Amino acid sequence: DVLAQVIKQLQSPKHRDRLIVAKYLHVLALGDKTAVQRFIAAKGLDPLMKFLRSSDEMQEYIPALVPYLASDDSFRRSLTHKGGLQALMRVAKKSNKPEIMANATLAVTVLAVYEDCAPKIVD
């Protein structure tokens, strides 16, 4: 199964493997709503949340994935409960790379459309 392999690569001890998968995840596993639901059900969010909170290099790619995932209720719940929303806002504020700032700001803007996220962004 391709999805299982993608998630396995996201958890790889090899940094290069994780970067490649994160960079192309939207093509590999997030093509439509069903694919997003399968990715979330297969615990694919766990490594993404971990990297968003802790890995500077992965922060280049993770915020760009949010627009693909945001329509899923369980993604938004997971993001807000696991500190991902705060991490996105921190990346948007602290990055000195314009592309990363733009991706993180876009991610927060997309999430602001949803009633369950908007109040948390304003706080």
N, C-alpha and C. Protein backbone atom coordinates (compact mmCIF):
# COMPACT_ATOMS: atom_id res chain seq x y z
N ASP A 1 0.84 -1.18 0.00
CA ASP A 1 0.00 0.00 0.00
C ASP A 1 0.89 1.25 0.00
N VAL A 2 0.65 2.15 -0.92
CA VAL A 2 1.45 3.36 -1.08
C VAL A 2 1.34 4.26 0.15
N LEU A 3 0.14 4.39 0.68
CA LEU A 3 -0.07 5.25 1.83
C LEU A 3 0.73 4.78 3.04
N ALA A 4 0.73 3.51 3.31
CA ALA A 4 1.52 2.97 4.43
C ALA A 4 3.00 3.24 4.22
N GLN A 5 3.46 3.11 3.01
CA GLN A 5 4.87 3.37 2.71
C GLN A 5 5.21 4.85 2.90
N VAL A 6 4.32 5.73 2.49
CA VAL A 6 4.53 7.17 2.66
C VAL A 6 4.64 7.51 4.14
N ILE A 7 3.73 6.99 4.94
CA ILE A 7 3.76 7.27 6.38
C ILE A 7 5.02 6.67 7.01
N LYS A 8 5.39 5.50 6.57
CA LYS A 8 6.63 4.89 7.07
C LYS A 8 7.84 5.77 6.76
N GLN A 9 7.88 6.33 5.56
CA GLN A 9 8.99 7.21 5.17
C GLN A 9 8.99 8.50 5.99
N LEU A 10 7.80 8.99 6.36
CA LEU A 10 7.73 10.17 7.22
C LEU A 10 8.34 9.91 8.59
N GLN A 11 8.37 8.65 8.99
CA GLN A 11 8.91 8.27 10.29
C GLN A 11 10.32 7.71 10.18
N SER A 12 10.89 7.77 9.01
CA SER A 12 12.22 7.22 8.75
C SER A 12 13.28 7.91 9.61
N PRO A 13 14.27 7.17 10.05
CA PRO A 13 15.39 7.81 10.77
C PRO A 13 16.26 8.64 9.83
N LYS A 14 16.10 8.44 8.53
CA LYS A 14 16.89 9.18 7.55
C LYS A 14 16.21 10.52 7.25
N HIS A 15 16.92 11.57 7.56
CA HIS A 15 16.39 12.92 7.40
C HIS A 15 15.98 13.19 5.94
N ARG A 16 16.80 12.76 5.02
CA ARG A 16 16.54 12.97 3.59
C ARG A 16 15.21 12.33 3.17
N ASP A 17 14.93 11.13 3.65
CA ASP A 17 13.67 10.45 3.32
C ASP A 17 12.47 11.26 3.79
N ARG A 18 12.56 11.76 5.03
CA ARG A 18 11.46 12.54 5.59
C ARG A 18 11.24 13.83 4.79
N LEU A 19 12.32 14.49 4.41
CA LEU A 19 12.19 15.74 3.64
C LEU A 19 11.54 15.51 2.29
N ILE A 20 11.96 14.46 1.60
CA ILE A 20 11.41 14.18 0.27
C ILE A 20 9.92 13.88 0.36
N VAL A 21 9.53 13.07 1.32
CA VAL A 21 8.11 12.74 1.46
C VAL A 21 7.31 13.98 1.85
N ALA A 22 7.81 14.77 2.78
CA ALA A 22 7.09 15.98 3.18
C ALA A 22 6.92 16.94 2.01
N LYS A 23 7.94 17.05 1.20
CA LYS A 23 7.89 17.97 0.06
C LYS A 23 6.83 17.55 -0.96
N TYR A 24 6.66 16.26 -1.16
CA TYR A 24 5.75 15.77 -2.20
C TYR A 24 4.51 15.07 -1.64
N LEU A 25 4.25 15.22 -0.37
CA LEU A 25 3.13 14.53 0.26
C LEU A 25 1.79 14.89 -0.38
N HIS A 26 1.63 16.14 -0.75
CA HIS A 26 0.35 16.56 -1.35
C HIS A 26 0.08 15.81 -2.66
N VAL A 27 1.12 15.41 -3.35
CA VAL A 27 0.96 14.66 -4.59
C VAL A 27 0.81 13.16 -4.30
N LEU A 28 1.60 12.68 -3.36
CA LEU A 28 1.64 11.24 -3.06
C LEU A 28 0.40 10.73 -2.34
N ALA A 29 -0.15 11.53 -1.41
CA ALA A 29 -1.18 10.95 -0.55
C ALA A 29 -2.37 11.85 -0.24
N LEU A 30 -2.40 13.06 -0.78
CA LEU A 30 -3.48 13.97 -0.40
C LEU A 30 -4.26 14.48 -1.61
N GLY A 31 -4.47 13.61 -2.57
CA GLY A 31 -5.07 14.02 -3.83
C GLY A 31 -6.54 14.39 -3.78
N ASP A 32 -7.31 13.79 -2.87
CA ASP A 32 -8.73 14.10 -2.77
C ASP A 32 -9.19 13.86 -1.34
N LYS A 33 -10.45 14.13 -1.07
CA LYS A 33 -10.97 14.03 0.30
C LYS A 33 -10.84 12.62 0.87
N THR A 34 -11.09 11.61 0.05
CA THR A 34 -10.96 10.23 0.50
C THR A 34 -9.51 9.91 0.87
N ALA A 35 -8.58 10.38 0.07
CA ALA A 35 -7.16 10.16 0.35
C ALA A 35 -6.75 10.85 1.64
N VAL A 36 -7.24 12.05 1.86
CA VAL A 36 -6.95 12.77 3.10
C VAL A 36 -7.49 11.99 4.29
N GLN A 37 -8.71 11.51 4.20
CA GLN A 37 -9.30 10.74 5.30
C GLN A 37 -8.51 9.46 5.58
N ARG A 38 -8.06 8.80 4.52
CA ARG A 38 -7.24 7.59 4.69
C ARG A 38 -5.91 7.93 5.37
N PHE A 39 -5.29 9.03 4.96
CA PHE A 39 -4.03 9.48 5.54
C PHE A 39 -4.20 9.76 7.03
N ILE A 40 -5.26 10.43 7.38
CA ILE A 40 -5.52 10.75 8.78
C ILE A 40 -5.83 9.48 9.57
N ALA A 41 -6.66 8.61 9.02
CA ALA A 41 -7.00 7.35 9.70
C ALA A 41 -5.78 6.47 9.92
N ALA A 42 -4.80 6.57 9.03
CA ALA A 42 -3.59 5.75 9.13
C ALA A 42 -2.53 6.41 10.04
N LYS A 43 -2.94 7.42 10.79
CA LYS A 43 -2.06 8.11 11.75
C LYS A 43 -0.94 8.89 11.06
N GLY A 44 -1.21 9.37 9.85
CA GLY A 44 -0.22 10.16 9.14
C GLY A 44 0.02 11.54 9.73
N LEU A 45 -0.96 12.02 10.52
CA LEU A 45 -0.79 13.34 11.12
C LEU A 45 0.25 13.36 12.23
N ASP A 46 0.42 12.25 12.91
CA ASP A 46 1.34 12.22 14.05
C ASP A 46 2.75 12.71 13.70
N PRO A 47 3.38 12.17 12.66
CA PRO A 47 4.71 12.69 12.34
C PRO A 47 4.68 14.13 11.84
N LEU A 48 3.62 14.52 11.15
CA LEU A 48 3.54 15.90 10.68
C LEU A 48 3.49 16.88 11.84
N MET A 49 2.68 16.56 12.85
CA MET A 49 2.59 17.45 14.02
C MET A 49 3.92 17.51 14.76
N LYS A 50 4.57 16.37 14.87
CA LYS A 50 5.88 16.33 15.53
C LYS A 50 6.88 17.24 14.80
N PHE A 51 6.92 17.14 13.49
CA PHE A 51 7.86 17.94 12.72
C PHE A 51 7.50 19.42 12.74
N LEU A 52 6.24 19.73 12.71
CA LEU A 52 5.81 21.12 12.72
C LEU A 52 6.26 21.80 14.01
N ARG A 53 6.18 21.08 15.12
CA ARG A 53 6.57 21.65 16.40
C ARG A 53 8.07 21.67 16.64
N SER A 54 8.82 20.79 15.96
CA SER A 54 10.21 20.64 16.38
C SER A 54 11.28 20.76 15.29
N SER A 55 10.95 20.57 14.04
CA SER A 55 11.98 20.51 13.01
C SER A 55 11.95 21.73 12.11
N ASP A 56 12.98 22.56 12.22
CA ASP A 56 13.05 23.76 11.40
C ASP A 56 13.03 23.45 9.91
N GLU A 57 13.74 22.43 9.49
CA GLU A 57 13.80 22.10 8.07
C GLU A 57 12.46 21.59 7.54
N MET A 58 11.73 20.86 8.35
CA MET A 58 10.43 20.34 7.92
C MET A 58 9.38 21.45 7.90
N GLN A 59 9.60 22.51 8.65
CA GLN A 59 8.64 23.61 8.67
C GLN A 59 8.51 24.27 7.31
N GLU A 60 9.47 24.03 6.46
CA GLU A 60 9.40 24.56 5.10
C GLU A 60 8.26 23.91 4.32
N TYR A 61 7.95 22.65 4.62
CA TYR A 61 6.97 21.91 3.83
C TYR A 61 5.63 21.68 4.54
N ILE A 62 5.64 21.51 5.84
CA ILE A 62 4.42 21.15 6.56
C ILE A 62 3.32 22.22 6.42
N PRO A 63 3.61 23.52 6.60
CA PRO A 63 2.52 24.50 6.45
C PRO A 63 1.85 24.47 5.07
N ALA A 64 2.59 24.15 4.05
CA ALA A 64 2.03 24.09 2.70
C ALA A 64 1.03 22.94 2.54
N LEU A 65 1.05 21.98 3.44
CA LEU A 65 0.12 20.85 3.37
C LEU A 65 -1.24 21.16 3.99
N VAL A 66 -1.29 22.17 4.85
CA VAL A 66 -2.52 22.47 5.58
C VAL A 66 -3.71 22.71 4.67
N PRO A 67 -3.59 23.49 3.60
CA PRO A 67 -4.77 23.68 2.73
C PRO A 67 -5.34 22.37 2.17
N TYR A 68 -4.51 21.37 2.00
CA TYR A 68 -4.99 20.07 1.51
C TYR A 68 -5.75 19.30 2.59
N LEU A 69 -5.39 19.54 3.84
CA LEU A 69 -5.93 18.78 4.97
C LEU A 69 -7.05 19.50 5.71
N ALA A 70 -7.14 20.80 5.57
CA ALA A 70 -7.99 21.62 6.43
C ALA A 70 -9.47 21.29 6.38
N SER A 71 -9.97 20.76 5.29
CA SER A 71 -11.41 20.49 5.21
C SER A 71 -11.83 19.31 6.09
N ASP A 72 -10.88 18.57 6.58
CA ASP A 72 -11.19 17.41 7.42
C ASP A 72 -11.31 17.82 8.89
N ASP A 73 -12.47 17.54 9.50
CA ASP A 73 -12.71 17.90 10.89
C ASP A 73 -11.68 17.28 11.84
N SER A 74 -11.34 16.04 11.62
CA SER A 74 -10.40 15.37 12.54
C SER A 74 -9.00 15.98 12.42
N PHE A 75 -8.63 16.45 11.23
CA PHE A 75 -7.35 17.13 11.09
C PHE A 75 -7.33 18.41 11.93
N ARG A 76 -8.39 19.20 11.80
CA ARG A 76 -8.43 20.46 12.54
C ARG A 76 -8.44 20.22 14.05
N ARG A 77 -9.18 19.21 14.49
CA ARG A 77 -9.19 18.86 15.92
C ARG A 77 -7.79 18.47 16.38
N SER A 78 -7.16 17.62 15.61
CA SER A 78 -5.81 17.17 15.94
C SER A 78 -4.83 18.34 15.96
N LEU A 79 -4.93 19.19 14.97
CA LEU A 79 -4.04 20.34 14.88
C LEU A 79 -4.17 21.25 16.10
N THR A 80 -5.40 21.53 16.49
CA THR A 80 -5.59 22.43 17.63
C THR A 80 -5.25 21.76 18.96
N HIS A 81 -5.53 20.47 19.10
CA HIS A 81 -5.25 19.79 20.37
C HIS A 81 -3.78 19.44 20.56
N LYS A 82 -3.04 19.31 19.48
CA LYS A 82 -1.64 18.92 19.58
C LYS A 82 -0.67 20.08 19.42
N GLY A 83 -1.18 21.31 19.48
CA GLY A 83 -0.32 22.48 19.41
C GLY A 83 0.11 22.89 18.02
N GLY A 84 -0.50 22.30 17.01
CA GLY A 84 -0.11 22.61 15.64
C GLY A 84 -0.48 24.02 15.20
N LEU A 85 -1.63 24.49 15.67
CA LEU A 85 -2.06 25.84 15.30
C LEU A 85 -1.09 26.88 15.85
N GLN A 86 -0.71 26.72 17.10
CA GLN A 86 0.27 27.63 17.71
C GLN A 86 1.61 27.54 17.00
N ALA A 87 1.98 26.33 16.61
CA ALA A 87 3.25 26.15 15.90
C ALA A 87 3.22 26.87 14.55
N LEU A 88 2.09 26.79 13.84
CA LEU A 88 1.96 27.48 12.56
C LEU A 88 2.10 28.99 12.74
N MET A 89 1.45 29.52 13.76
CA MET A 89 1.52 30.96 14.00
C MET A 89 2.94 31.38 14.40
N ARG A 90 3.60 30.53 15.16
CA ARG A 90 5.00 30.81 15.53
C ARG A 90 5.90 30.81 14.30
N VAL A 91 5.71 29.85 13.42
CA VAL A 91 6.49 29.79 12.18
C VAL A 91 6.24 31.04 11.35
N ALA A 92 4.98 31.45 11.24
CA ALA A 92 4.65 32.65 10.45
C ALA A 92 5.33 33.89 11.00
N LYS A 93 5.42 33.98 12.31
CA LYS A 93 6.02 35.16 12.95
C LYS A 93 7.54 35.14 12.95
N LYS A 94 8.12 33.96 13.14
CA LYS A 94 9.56 33.90 13.41
C LYS A 94 10.45 33.54 12.23
N SER A 95 9.87 33.03 11.17
CA SER A 95 10.71 32.63 10.05
C SER A 95 11.30 33.85 9.36
N ASN A 96 12.51 33.71 8.92
CA ASN A 96 13.13 34.80 8.16
C ASN A 96 13.15 34.49 6.66
N LYS A 97 12.48 33.41 6.28
CA LYS A 97 12.39 33.03 4.86
C LYS A 97 10.99 33.39 4.36
N PRO A 98 10.89 34.27 3.37
CA PRO A 98 9.58 34.72 2.89
C PRO A 98 8.64 33.59 2.45
N GLU A 99 9.17 32.55 1.81
CA GLU A 99 8.31 31.46 1.35
C GLU A 99 7.70 30.69 2.53
N ILE A 100 8.50 30.47 3.56
CA ILE A 100 7.99 29.77 4.75
C ILE A 100 6.95 30.63 5.46
N MET A 101 7.24 31.92 5.60
CA MET A 101 6.27 32.84 6.21
C MET A 101 4.97 32.85 5.43
N ALA A 102 5.06 32.87 4.11
CA ALA A 102 3.86 32.89 3.26
C ALA A 102 3.06 31.60 3.42
N ASN A 103 3.73 30.46 3.42
CA ASN A 103 3.02 29.17 3.58
C ASN A 103 2.35 29.06 4.94
N ALA A 104 3.04 29.48 5.98
CA ALA A 104 2.47 29.40 7.32
C ALA A 104 1.29 30.37 7.46
N THR A 105 1.43 31.58 6.91
CA THR A 105 0.35 32.55 6.96
C THR A 105 -0.85 32.06 6.16
N LEU A 106 -0.61 31.47 4.99
CA LEU A 106 -1.70 30.90 4.20
C LEU A 106 -2.40 29.79 4.98
N ALA A 107 -1.63 28.94 5.63
CA ALA A 107 -2.21 27.84 6.42
C ALA A 107 -3.13 28.39 7.51
N VAL A 108 -2.68 29.40 8.23
CA VAL A 108 -3.50 30.01 9.30
C VAL A 108 -4.74 30.67 8.69
N THR A 109 -4.58 31.32 7.56
CA THR A 109 -5.71 31.98 6.88
C THR A 109 -6.75 30.95 6.45
N VAL A 110 -6.31 29.84 5.90
CA VAL A 110 -7.24 28.77 5.49
C VAL A 110 -7.98 28.25 6.71
N LEU A 111 -7.27 28.03 7.80
CA LEU A 111 -7.91 27.52 9.01
C LEU A 111 -8.89 28.51 9.62
N ALA A 112 -8.65 29.80 9.43
CA ALA A 112 -9.53 30.83 10.00
C ALA A 112 -10.94 30.78 9.41
N VAL A 113 -11.10 30.15 8.27
CA VAL A 113 -12.42 30.02 7.64
C VAL A 113 -13.33 29.09 8.45
N TYR A 114 -12.76 28.19 9.20
CA TYR A 114 -13.53 27.18 9.92
C TYR A 114 -13.88 27.66 11.32
N GLU A 115 -15.14 27.47 11.69
CA GLU A 115 -15.64 27.95 12.99
C GLU A 115 -14.91 27.34 14.19
N ASP A 116 -14.40 26.13 14.03
CA ASP A 116 -13.71 25.50 15.16
C ASP A 116 -12.28 26.01 15.34
N CYS A 117 -11.73 26.67 14.34
CA CYS A 117 -10.36 27.18 14.44
C CYS A 117 -10.29 28.69 14.63
N ALA A 118 -11.23 29.41 14.03
CA ALA A 118 -11.17 30.88 14.05
C ALA A 118 -11.01 31.47 15.45
N PRO A 119 -11.81 31.04 16.43
CA PRO A 119 -11.64 31.62 17.77
C PRO A 119 -10.28 31.36 18.39
N LYS A 120 -9.69 30.23 18.06
CA LYS A 120 -8.38 29.88 18.61
C LYS A 120 -7.27 30.72 17.98
N ILE A 121 -7.48 31.16 16.75
CA ILE A 121 -6.49 32.00 16.08
C ILE A 121 -6.51 33.40 16.68
N VAL A 122 -7.70 33.88 16.99
CA VAL A 122 -7.83 35.22 17.55
C VAL A 122 -7.27 35.30 18.96
N ASP A 123 -7.37 34.21 19.71
CA ASP A 123 -6.88 34.21 21.10
C ASP A 123 -5.43 34.42 21.13
